[in-house]
Amino acid sequence: MKKNILMAVVLLMTITSCSDGIMNYLNRDTSNPAVSVVPAKFSISDAIVSTAFTTISGSYAWYSSCYTEQEFGTGNNQFRNAELRLKSEVAAATTYNNEWNSTYGNVANLKSIIEKTSAGGLNDGQTDILGIAQVLLAVNFGILTDLHGDIPCSEAGLGSAVLNPKLDSQESVYTEILSLLDSGIANLQSSTENYVGSQDVLLKGSASSWAALAYAFKARFLLHTCYRNSSVYSQVITAANSAIQNGFDGVTLSFFNGETQDNPWSAFWWSREYTGSSATVVDLMNARKDNRVTPYNTQLFKDGNGQYGTPGNEVQAGLTGELNAPSWLENGGRPINVFTKSELYFILAEAKLRSGQDATEDFKTAVIAAFNEAEVANTIGYGTDNPEPIADFDNNGADYAAGLSVTLEEVMIQKYLSQIVDQQIEAYNDIRRCKALGEKFVVLQNPLNTQNGVNYWPERYPYGNSSVISNPTIEAAFHDVDIYTDLIWLYGGSK
């Protein structure tokens, strides 16, 4: 009897033990482990690609291209509505909602990576990954605040811990951006081991290359503050020179092949044909005998009879499809420019000119780099053994640069022309920044920018709809901000 009882107890203990083990795995998706247990390096790839593909090159940039007039919104669609400056398009919370959500998804991912690679975290000591995450977080916050003004920052991306993050002032966000870049640079420069490895699809785990990129972004974001800090130019020059000294030569995301993986601009073009060439760019190029006008103003559109149209009245042409377009939109294999060499040298040239220094060599280097970047964008099969030009393009950037005057106006115009491939967000920043400084170097031509004496050119972007309908603080800010009259803090406003 005692023997039977003992066996029963052992059996019960075995069943209980097995049940505990089974219970530990119930409702657990072992194929998709919790973010908290995923090593940081496996999250960094998504952060890199999403930042480049969506935040830098998504709808934020596409709409900027209409506002900067570097491209022209065509057809009977939302880009045509943006071209017409319709409030229902450019002032709607739904217009930028996808990019708003995706970018804040990046913020959450990057904050998680930073937590894991900081002291006491899952990947404590992996300073290369920590530095990369800090640089990327600065970039995501930078684009968000440059476009929207005051944004959730300190409480953003914390998940259920803070469901309705507060708005931080743009001034405090910029303090955080520059702090993140400095911390990122320090961590990258102190890194002695490559923990990120092949998960770094941008710079292949090179801490020095990431430090150079961080310095380039620091130069950009410091320059943005020049209206608020007129003495910032020496810091801009120092940061730009540090990028160069660390080997900066432009950074691109280059894994597109034009077949199974397409550049976002080309994918957008092929699916909708929403963009065409703008007379604002064509006129500037023609006035300078700039041969980049040939690939920029190429006959890609066809009219109802299947014939190529010719540029004329742009608003009417945009409605009928009789409009030219940049030839590189046909090139799905071209890389995304994360930060161009030309931009860094244009930044350096501007800062030197504003400081009373000679900028001749920096300007020349910037223009030649811009021609090289346009040639890459205009080449099918970039990165393959047999790349082919998509249109006639004579790379004579050195001769072209030699014929230009090194003035602040020409620096800003050439920078604007260099940004027509996929750097329109920064062109939008430059136009607003120069306007705040009382300067108008690029003259916008869309007659609908002003209607009945009222400004219809957006000075900022509205907040994303997902936050407007769920966060009372964002909802109040959305209704309180007029995108046509309320400047962001960087350029003279208060929010």
Protein backbone atom coordinates (compact mmCIF):
# COMPACT_ATOMS: atom_id res chain seq x y z
CA MET A 1 0.00 0.00 0.00
CA LYS A 2 2.78 2.38 0.97
CA LYS A 3 4.55 1.46 -2.24
CA ASN A 4 1.48 2.37 -4.30
CA ILE A 5 1.12 5.69 -2.50
CA LEU A 6 4.79 6.49 -3.11
CA MET A 7 4.44 5.73 -6.82
CA ALA A 8 1.35 7.92 -6.99
CA VAL A 9 3.23 10.83 -5.39
CA VAL A 10 6.14 10.45 -7.84
CA LEU A 11 3.71 10.29 -10.78
CA LEU A 12 1.88 13.39 -9.57
CA MET A 13 5.15 15.26 -9.19
CA THR A 14 6.15 14.25 -12.72
CA ILE A 15 2.83 15.39 -14.17
CA THR A 16 3.03 18.67 -12.26
CA SER A 17 6.59 19.24 -13.45
CA CYS A 18 5.61 18.55 -17.06
CA SER A 19 2.57 20.77 -16.71
CA ASP A 20 4.72 23.63 -15.42
CA GLY A 21 7.03 23.20 -18.40
CA ILE A 22 4.12 23.15 -20.81
CA MET A 23 2.50 26.15 -19.16
CA ASN A 24 5.74 28.11 -19.54
CA TYR A 25 5.41 27.82 -23.32
CA LEU A 26 1.67 28.30 -23.73
CA ASN A 27 0.75 31.50 -25.65
CA ARG A 28 4.41 32.03 -26.52
CA ASP A 29 5.39 32.60 -30.17
CA THR A 30 8.82 30.96 -30.25
CA SER A 31 9.28 31.98 -33.89
CA ASN A 32 8.94 35.65 -32.95
CA PRO A 33 10.63 36.24 -29.59
CA ALA A 34 9.94 39.39 -27.57
CA VAL A 35 11.91 42.45 -28.58
CA SER A 36 13.48 42.54 -25.14
CA VAL A 37 15.40 39.30 -25.76
CA VAL A 38 16.49 39.97 -29.36
CA PRO A 39 20.17 40.99 -29.57
CA ALA A 40 20.55 44.63 -30.57
CA LYS A 41 22.48 43.87 -33.76
CA PHE A 42 19.47 42.08 -35.24
CA SER A 43 17.32 45.19 -34.80
CA ILE A 44 19.77 47.69 -36.27
CA SER A 45 19.29 46.56 -39.89
CA ASP A 46 15.61 47.45 -39.82
CA ALA A 47 16.38 50.82 -38.26
CA ILE A 48 18.89 51.62 -41.01
CA VAL A 49 16.67 50.55 -43.91
CA SER A 50 13.49 52.12 -42.54
CA THR A 51 15.25 55.42 -41.84
CA ALA A 52 16.62 55.60 -45.39
CA PHE A 53 13.69 54.08 -47.29
CA THR A 54 10.73 55.69 -45.52
CA THR A 55 11.82 58.63 -43.37
CA ILE A 56 14.40 60.08 -45.78
CA SER A 57 12.83 58.99 -49.09
CA GLY A 58 9.10 58.50 -48.46
CA SER A 59 6.13 60.86 -48.54
CA TYR A 60 7.95 63.42 -46.44
CA ALA A 61 10.39 63.90 -49.34
CA TRP A 62 7.79 63.47 -52.08
CA TYR A 63 5.65 66.31 -50.77
CA SER A 64 8.72 68.44 -50.08
CA SER A 65 9.59 68.08 -53.77
CA CYS A 66 6.29 69.80 -54.63
CA TYR A 67 6.83 72.61 -52.13
CA THR A 68 10.43 73.22 -53.24
CA GLU A 69 9.34 72.92 -56.90
CA GLN A 70 12.16 70.48 -57.59
CA GLU A 71 9.51 68.19 -59.05
CA PHE A 72 5.99 68.83 -60.25
CA GLY A 73 2.85 67.06 -59.01
CA THR A 74 0.96 65.62 -61.96
CA GLY A 75 -2.27 63.87 -62.84
CA ASN A 76 -5.58 63.79 -61.01
CA ASN A 77 -4.26 62.65 -57.64
CA GLN A 78 -2.86 63.81 -54.31
CA PHE A 79 0.31 65.23 -55.84
CA ARG A 80 -1.72 67.32 -58.22
CA ASN A 81 -3.70 68.46 -55.16
CA ALA A 82 -0.45 69.37 -53.41
CA GLU A 83 0.61 71.28 -56.53
CA LEU A 84 -2.67 73.19 -56.37
CA ARG A 85 -1.90 73.85 -52.68
CA LEU A 86 -5.28 72.48 -51.60
CA LYS A 87 -5.69 72.62 -47.83
CA SER A 88 -7.50 69.28 -47.90
CA GLU A 89 -4.19 67.76 -49.04
CA VAL A 90 -1.30 69.70 -47.53
CA ALA A 91 -2.92 70.49 -44.16
CA ALA A 92 -4.54 67.11 -43.48
CA ALA A 93 -3.35 64.89 -40.63
CA THR A 94 -3.80 61.84 -42.84
CA THR A 95 -1.39 63.07 -45.55
CA TYR A 96 1.83 62.26 -43.67
CA ASN A 97 0.45 59.64 -41.30
CA ASN A 98 2.37 56.68 -42.75
CA GLU A 99 5.75 58.40 -42.44
CA TRP A 100 4.84 59.76 -39.00
CA ASN A 101 4.04 56.22 -37.80
CA SER A 102 7.05 54.62 -39.45
CA THR A 103 9.47 57.21 -38.11
CA TYR A 104 8.14 56.86 -34.57
CA GLY A 105 8.45 53.11 -35.07
CA ASN A 106 12.12 53.78 -35.76
CA VAL A 107 12.32 55.86 -32.59
CA ALA A 108 10.92 53.00 -30.50
CA ASN A 109 13.28 50.49 -32.10
CA LEU A 110 16.32 52.72 -31.65
CA LYS A 111 15.53 53.55 -28.03
CA SER A 112 15.26 49.81 -27.36
CA ILE A 113 18.66 49.24 -29.01
CA ILE A 114 20.20 52.04 -26.96
CA GLU A 115 18.80 50.54 -23.75
CA LYS A 116 20.19 47.09 -24.61
CA THR A 117 23.66 48.39 -25.44
CA SER A 118 23.90 50.74 -22.46
CA ALA A 119 25.28 49.83 -19.02
CA GLY A 120 23.45 46.84 -17.57
CA GLY A 121 21.62 46.07 -20.79
CA LEU A 122 21.36 42.82 -22.72
CA ASN A 123 24.26 43.88 -24.98
CA ASP A 124 26.20 46.05 -22.58
CA GLY A 125 29.58 47.04 -24.03
CA GLN A 126 28.66 46.87 -27.72
CA THR A 127 29.57 50.51 -28.20
CA ASP A 128 29.62 50.39 -31.99
CA ILE A 129 25.92 49.45 -32.08
CA LEU A 130 25.14 51.98 -29.34
CA GLY A 131 26.83 54.73 -31.34
CA ILE A 132 25.04 53.80 -34.57
CA ALA A 133 21.67 53.80 -32.79
CA GLN A 134 22.33 57.22 -31.26
CA VAL A 135 23.21 58.69 -34.66
CA LEU A 136 20.12 57.20 -36.29
CA LEU A 137 17.87 58.39 -33.46
CA ALA A 138 19.23 61.91 -33.92
CA VAL A 139 18.45 61.73 -37.65
CA ASN A 140 14.87 60.52 -37.09
CA PHE A 141 14.18 63.18 -34.48
CA GLY A 142 15.83 65.75 -36.76
CA ILE A 143 13.55 65.06 -39.70
CA LEU A 144 10.46 64.90 -37.47
CA THR A 145 11.12 68.24 -35.79
CA ASP A 146 12.32 69.99 -38.96
CA LEU A 147 8.99 69.18 -40.57
CA HIS A 148 6.54 69.26 -37.64
CA GLY A 149 8.10 71.66 -35.12
CA ASP A 150 7.45 70.69 -31.50
CA ILE A 151 7.25 66.88 -31.31
CA PRO A 152 7.14 64.04 -28.78
CA CYS A 153 10.79 63.28 -28.00
CA SER A 154 11.72 62.56 -24.38
CA GLU A 155 8.66 60.34 -23.80
CA ALA A 156 8.35 58.98 -27.35
CA GLY A 157 8.94 55.35 -28.25
CA LEU A 158 8.46 54.00 -24.71
CA GLY A 159 5.53 51.77 -25.56
CA SER A 160 2.89 51.09 -22.92
CA ALA A 161 4.97 52.92 -20.32
CA VAL A 162 3.89 56.25 -21.87
CA LEU A 163 0.84 55.90 -24.11
CA ASN A 164 0.40 59.65 -24.68
CA PRO A 165 3.86 61.23 -24.83
CA LYS A 166 4.12 64.95 -24.25
CA LEU A 167 5.24 67.50 -26.83
CA ASP A 168 8.79 68.72 -26.39
CA SER A 169 9.78 72.16 -27.64
CA GLN A 170 11.82 72.20 -30.83
CA GLU A 171 14.59 73.99 -28.96
CA SER A 172 14.86 71.11 -26.47
CA VAL A 173 14.61 68.54 -29.27
CA TYR A 174 17.58 70.14 -31.02
CA THR A 175 19.54 70.04 -27.78
CA GLU A 176 18.80 66.31 -27.64
CA ILE A 177 19.74 65.79 -31.31
CA LEU A 178 23.16 67.38 -30.89
CA SER A 179 23.71 65.51 -27.61
CA LEU A 180 22.86 62.20 -29.29
CA LEU A 181 25.32 62.92 -32.10
CA ASP A 182 28.11 63.82 -29.67
CA SER A 183 27.44 60.68 -27.62
CA GLY A 184 27.26 58.58 -30.77
CA ILE A 185 30.58 59.93 -32.01
CA ALA A 186 32.22 59.25 -28.65
CA ASN A 187 30.93 55.67 -28.55
CA LEU A 188 31.95 54.98 -32.14
CA GLN A 189 35.42 56.37 -31.62
CA SER A 190 35.89 54.33 -28.45
CA SER A 191 34.67 51.11 -30.07
CA THR A 192 37.35 48.44 -30.33
CA GLU A 193 35.29 45.55 -31.69
CA ASN A 194 32.83 45.16 -34.57
CA TYR A 195 29.74 43.70 -32.91
CA VAL A 196 27.25 44.79 -35.58
CA GLY A 197 28.96 42.86 -38.40
CA SER A 198 26.95 42.19 -41.54
CA GLN A 199 23.78 43.54 -39.91
CA ASP A 200 25.07 46.99 -40.80
CA VAL A 201 23.76 47.18 -44.36
CA LEU A 202 24.91 50.79 -44.75
CA LEU A 203 28.58 51.03 -43.73
CA LYS A 204 29.50 47.39 -43.09
CA GLY A 205 30.28 47.88 -39.43
CA SER A 206 32.92 50.57 -39.92
CA ALA A 207 32.84 52.63 -36.72
CA SER A 208 35.06 55.31 -38.29
CA SER A 209 32.70 55.68 -41.26
CA TRP A 210 29.74 56.03 -38.90
CA ALA A 211 31.64 58.67 -36.93
CA ALA A 212 32.29 60.57 -40.17
CA LEU A 213 28.58 60.39 -41.05
CA ALA A 214 27.67 61.58 -37.55
CA TYR A 215 29.93 64.63 -37.96
CA ALA A 216 28.25 65.37 -41.31
CA PHE A 217 24.82 65.28 -39.69
CA LYS A 218 26.12 67.45 -36.88
CA ALA A 219 27.23 70.05 -39.42
CA ARG A 220 23.77 69.95 -41.03
CA PHE A 221 21.80 70.27 -37.81
CA LEU A 222 24.09 72.99 -36.45
CA LEU A 223 23.56 74.98 -39.67
CA HIS A 224 19.80 74.70 -39.16
CA THR A 225 20.18 76.74 -35.97
CA CYS A 226 21.88 79.73 -37.61
CA TYR A 227 18.81 81.97 -37.33
CA ARG A 228 18.78 81.36 -33.57
CA ASN A 229 22.58 81.43 -33.21
CA SER A 230 24.40 83.68 -35.65
CA SER A 231 27.79 82.61 -34.28
CA VAL A 232 27.27 78.91 -35.04
CA TYR A 233 29.21 78.91 -38.33
CA SER A 234 32.57 78.15 -36.74
CA GLN A 235 31.03 75.05 -35.14
CA VAL A 236 29.56 74.06 -38.52
CA ILE A 237 32.98 74.34 -40.16
CA THR A 238 34.61 72.31 -37.39
CA ALA A 239 32.02 69.53 -37.66
CA ALA A 240 32.23 69.43 -41.47
CA ASN A 241 36.03 69.30 -41.39
CA SER A 242 35.87 66.51 -38.80
CA ALA A 243 33.65 64.52 -41.17
CA ILE A 244 36.17 64.97 -43.97
CA GLN A 245 39.11 64.11 -41.72
CA ASN A 246 37.32 60.89 -40.76
CA GLY A 247 37.02 59.95 -44.44
CA PHE A 248 33.50 61.11 -45.32
CA ASP A 249 32.84 60.74 -49.05
CA GLY A 250 29.05 60.49 -49.18
CA VAL A 251 26.84 57.68 -47.85
CA THR A 252 24.27 55.72 -49.86
CA LEU A 253 22.06 52.71 -49.25
CA SER A 254 22.86 50.61 -52.30
CA PHE A 255 21.15 47.24 -52.28
CA PHE A 256 18.48 48.00 -54.92
CA ASN A 257 18.62 46.09 -58.21
CA GLY A 258 15.68 47.53 -60.16
CA GLU A 259 14.03 44.13 -60.48
CA THR A 260 13.07 42.60 -57.14
CA GLN A 261 14.19 45.53 -54.98
CA ASP A 262 13.38 49.05 -56.16
CA ASN A 263 14.45 52.48 -55.01
CA PRO A 264 11.37 54.07 -53.32
CA TRP A 265 11.24 57.00 -55.73
CA SER A 266 11.23 54.68 -58.75
CA ALA A 267 8.67 52.36 -57.16
CA PHE A 268 6.47 55.38 -56.52
CA TRP A 269 6.93 56.58 -60.10
CA TRP A 270 6.17 53.24 -61.71
CA SER A 271 3.04 52.67 -59.66
CA ARG A 272 1.52 56.14 -60.08
CA GLU A 273 3.53 58.52 -62.31
CA TYR A 274 2.81 61.34 -59.89
CA THR A 275 5.87 63.52 -60.53
CA GLY A 276 7.26 65.49 -63.45
CA SER A 277 9.95 68.05 -64.25
CA SER A 278 9.53 71.56 -62.85
CA ALA A 279 10.07 74.76 -64.80
CA THR A 280 11.73 76.24 -61.70
CA VAL A 281 14.62 73.78 -62.02
CA VAL A 282 14.70 73.84 -65.83
CA ASP A 283 14.94 77.64 -65.91
CA LEU A 284 17.80 77.69 -63.38
CA MET A 285 19.71 75.03 -65.32
CA ASN A 286 19.13 76.61 -68.73
CA ALA A 287 20.30 79.99 -67.45
CA ARG A 288 23.60 78.35 -66.47
CA LYS A 289 23.93 76.05 -69.50
CA ASP A 290 23.77 73.17 -67.04
CA ASN A 291 23.67 69.90 -69.00
CA ARG A 292 22.00 68.09 -66.11
CA VAL A 293 18.84 69.54 -67.61
CA THR A 294 18.82 66.77 -70.25
CA PRO A 295 18.24 63.83 -67.91
CA TYR A 296 16.14 65.98 -65.58
CA ASN A 297 13.74 67.11 -68.31
CA THR A 298 13.22 63.87 -70.26
CA GLN A 299 10.13 62.78 -72.20
CA LEU A 300 8.70 60.01 -70.07
CA PHE A 301 5.04 60.98 -70.01
CA LYS A 302 2.70 60.15 -72.89
CA ASP A 303 -0.57 61.76 -73.86
CA GLY A 304 -3.86 59.99 -74.59
CA ASN A 305 -2.67 59.04 -78.09
CA GLY A 306 0.46 57.34 -76.80
CA GLN A 307 2.67 60.20 -77.92
CA TYR A 308 5.21 62.01 -75.78
CA GLY A 309 4.07 65.45 -74.72
CA THR A 310 6.06 68.64 -74.45
CA PRO A 311 6.33 70.92 -71.42
CA GLY A 312 4.07 73.91 -71.64
CA ASN A 313 1.61 75.30 -69.15
CA GLU A 314 2.59 73.11 -66.22
CA VAL A 315 -0.73 73.05 -64.40
CA GLN A 316 -2.60 72.02 -67.53
CA ALA A 317 0.16 69.63 -68.57
CA GLY A 318 0.03 67.99 -65.18
CA LEU A 319 -3.67 67.28 -65.64
CA THR A 320 -3.30 65.73 -69.09
CA GLY A 321 -0.05 63.85 -68.64
CA GLU A 322 1.79 66.01 -71.18
CA LEU A 323 4.83 66.63 -69.04
CA ASN A 324 8.47 65.58 -68.90
CA ALA A 325 10.08 63.89 -65.89
CA PRO A 326 13.56 63.13 -64.51
CA SER A 327 14.94 60.13 -66.35
CA TRP A 328 16.37 58.59 -63.16
CA LEU A 329 12.84 57.83 -61.99
CA GLU A 330 13.05 54.94 -64.45
CA ASN A 331 16.11 53.60 -62.61
CA GLY A 332 14.90 51.33 -59.82
CA GLY A 333 18.45 50.21 -59.07
CA ARG A 334 19.85 53.56 -58.03
CA PRO A 335 20.92 53.97 -54.39
CA ILE A 336 19.27 56.17 -51.78
CA ASN A 337 21.40 59.14 -50.79
CA VAL A 338 21.55 59.12 -47.00
CA PHE A 339 23.96 62.07 -46.96
CA THR A 340 25.72 63.31 -50.08
CA LYS A 341 29.28 64.49 -50.45
CA SER A 342 28.00 67.55 -52.31
CA GLU A 343 25.79 68.60 -49.38
CA LEU A 344 28.66 68.48 -46.91
CA TYR A 345 30.85 70.68 -49.11
CA PHE A 346 27.99 73.09 -49.85
CA ILE A 347 27.49 73.37 -46.07
CA LEU A 348 31.19 74.09 -45.67
CA ALA A 349 31.13 76.66 -48.47
CA GLU A 350 28.10 78.45 -47.05
CA ALA A 351 29.48 78.56 -43.51
CA LYS A 352 32.81 79.91 -44.75
CA LEU A 353 31.21 82.60 -46.90
CA ARG A 354 28.98 83.69 -44.03
CA SER A 355 32.14 83.85 -41.89
CA GLY A 356 34.03 85.94 -44.42
CA GLN A 357 36.35 83.10 -45.49
CA ASP A 358 37.38 81.88 -48.93
CA ALA A 359 35.14 79.01 -50.06
CA THR A 360 36.38 78.54 -53.64
CA GLU A 361 37.75 75.02 -53.28
CA ASP A 362 34.85 73.77 -51.17
CA PHE A 363 32.36 75.15 -53.70
CA LYS A 364 34.20 73.55 -56.61
CA THR A 365 34.35 70.20 -54.81
CA ALA A 366 30.63 70.41 -54.03
CA VAL A 367 29.63 71.10 -57.65
CA ILE A 368 31.81 68.30 -59.06
CA ALA A 369 30.40 65.90 -56.45
CA ALA A 370 26.87 66.95 -57.41
CA PHE A 371 27.56 66.08 -61.06
CA ASN A 372 28.97 62.72 -60.06
CA GLU A 373 25.90 62.01 -57.90
CA ALA A 374 23.59 62.90 -60.77
CA GLU A 375 25.52 60.56 -63.04
CA VAL A 376 25.16 57.69 -60.55
CA ALA A 377 21.41 58.34 -60.26
CA ASN A 378 21.20 58.35 -64.03
CA THR A 379 22.93 55.00 -64.52
CA ILE A 380 21.02 51.74 -64.82
CA GLY A 381 22.73 48.84 -63.13
CA TYR A 382 24.71 50.97 -60.69
CA GLY A 383 27.06 48.67 -58.81
CA THR A 384 27.04 45.95 -61.50
CA ASP A 385 29.77 45.05 -63.99
CA ASN A 386 27.94 46.65 -66.92
CA PRO A 387 26.13 49.83 -65.87
CA GLU A 388 24.40 51.68 -68.70
CA PRO A 389 23.51 55.38 -68.86
CA ILE A 390 19.77 56.00 -68.98
CA ALA A 391 20.15 59.27 -70.93
CA ASP A 392 22.92 61.33 -72.46
CA PHE A 393 24.91 62.92 -69.67
CA ASP A 394 28.29 64.60 -70.07
CA ASN A 395 30.04 64.80 -66.72
CA ASN A 396 31.84 68.12 -67.02
CA GLY A 397 31.34 69.28 -63.46
CA ALA A 398 34.83 70.75 -63.19
CA ASP A 399 34.39 72.97 -66.29
CA TYR A 400 30.90 73.95 -65.14
CA ALA A 401 32.12 74.87 -61.64
CA ALA A 402 34.96 76.96 -63.06
CA GLY A 403 32.43 79.16 -64.85
CA LEU A 404 30.39 79.94 -61.72
CA SER A 405 30.83 82.82 -59.30
CA VAL A 406 31.53 81.79 -55.72
CA THR A 407 28.78 83.80 -54.04
CA LEU A 408 26.33 82.88 -51.29
CA GLU A 409 23.49 83.05 -53.81
CA GLU A 410 25.21 80.66 -56.21
CA VAL A 411 26.13 78.27 -53.41
CA MET A 412 22.47 78.03 -52.38
CA ILE A 413 21.23 77.66 -55.97
CA GLN A 414 23.78 74.97 -56.78
CA LYS A 415 22.94 73.17 -53.56
CA TYR A 416 19.26 73.30 -54.53
CA LEU A 417 20.06 71.84 -57.96
CA SER A 418 22.17 69.11 -56.39
CA GLN A 419 19.21 68.02 -54.24
CA ILE A 420 16.77 67.24 -57.06
CA VAL A 421 17.42 63.48 -57.00
CA ASP A 422 16.25 62.62 -53.48
CA GLN A 423 17.34 65.34 -51.02
CA GLN A 424 14.22 67.50 -51.16
CA ILE A 425 13.61 67.59 -47.41
CA GLU A 426 16.87 69.42 -46.92
CA ALA A 427 16.04 71.79 -49.79
CA TYR A 428 12.74 72.56 -48.01
CA ASN A 429 14.74 73.29 -44.85
CA ASP A 430 17.12 75.58 -46.75
CA ILE A 431 14.33 77.60 -48.37
CA ARG A 432 12.66 78.19 -45.00
CA ARG A 433 15.99 78.89 -43.27
CA CYS A 434 17.06 81.47 -45.85
CA LYS A 435 13.61 83.05 -45.70
CA ALA A 436 14.03 83.47 -41.93
CA LEU A 437 17.36 85.19 -42.60
CA GLY A 438 15.65 87.57 -45.04
CA GLU A 439 17.13 85.89 -48.12
CA LYS A 440 15.47 84.56 -51.26
CA PHE A 441 17.97 82.79 -53.49
CA VAL A 442 15.65 80.21 -55.08
CA VAL A 443 12.58 82.00 -56.41
CA LEU A 444 9.54 79.72 -56.34
CA GLN A 445 7.26 80.11 -59.36
CA ASN A 446 4.02 78.32 -58.54
CA PRO A 447 1.40 81.10 -58.79
CA LEU A 448 -0.79 79.21 -56.32
CA ASN A 449 1.70 79.71 -53.48
CA THR A 450 -0.24 82.90 -52.84
CA GLN A 451 -4.01 83.00 -53.40
CA ASN A 452 -6.06 86.19 -52.96
CA GLY A 453 -3.19 87.71 -51.05
CA VAL A 454 -3.02 84.78 -48.61
CA ASN A 455 -0.03 82.41 -48.26
CA TYR A 456 -0.77 78.84 -49.34
CA TRP A 457 2.82 77.60 -49.24
CA PRO A 458 3.16 75.33 -46.19
CA GLU A 459 5.71 76.50 -43.64
CA ARG A 460 5.50 73.16 -41.82
CA TYR A 461 3.78 69.76 -41.87
CA PRO A 462 0.74 68.83 -39.75
CA TYR A 463 1.00 66.03 -37.19
CA GLY A 464 0.19 62.43 -38.11
CA ASN A 465 -3.42 61.34 -37.79
CA SER A 466 -2.75 58.32 -35.58
CA SER A 467 -1.50 60.63 -32.81
CA VAL A 468 -4.07 63.35 -33.49
CA ILE A 469 -6.94 60.94 -32.80
CA SER A 470 -5.32 59.12 -29.85
CA ASN A 471 -3.19 61.66 -27.98
CA PRO A 472 -5.08 64.69 -26.57
CA THR A 473 -1.88 66.73 -26.47
CA ILE A 474 -1.21 66.15 -30.18
CA GLU A 475 -4.87 66.73 -31.02
CA ALA A 476 -4.78 70.13 -29.29
CA ALA A 477 -1.51 71.06 -31.02
CA PHE A 478 -2.86 69.99 -34.42
CA HIS A 479 -5.83 72.35 -34.09
CA ASP A 480 -3.70 75.12 -32.59
CA VAL A 481 -1.10 75.23 -35.39
CA ASP A 482 -1.69 76.93 -38.74
CA ILE A 483 0.77 75.37 -41.21
CA TYR A 484 0.69 78.49 -43.40
CA THR A 485 1.38 81.14 -40.75
CA ASP A 486 2.99 79.43 -37.74
CA LEU A 487 6.72 79.12 -38.38
CA ILE A 488 8.71 76.43 -36.60
CA TRP A 489 10.97 77.67 -33.79
CA LEU A 490 14.16 77.23 -35.87
CA TYR A 491 12.95 79.79 -38.39
CA GLY A 492 11.35 82.40 -36.18
CA GLY A 493 8.26 80.78 -34.71
CA SER A 494 7.48 79.57 -31.21
CA LYS A 495 6.39 75.93 -31.68
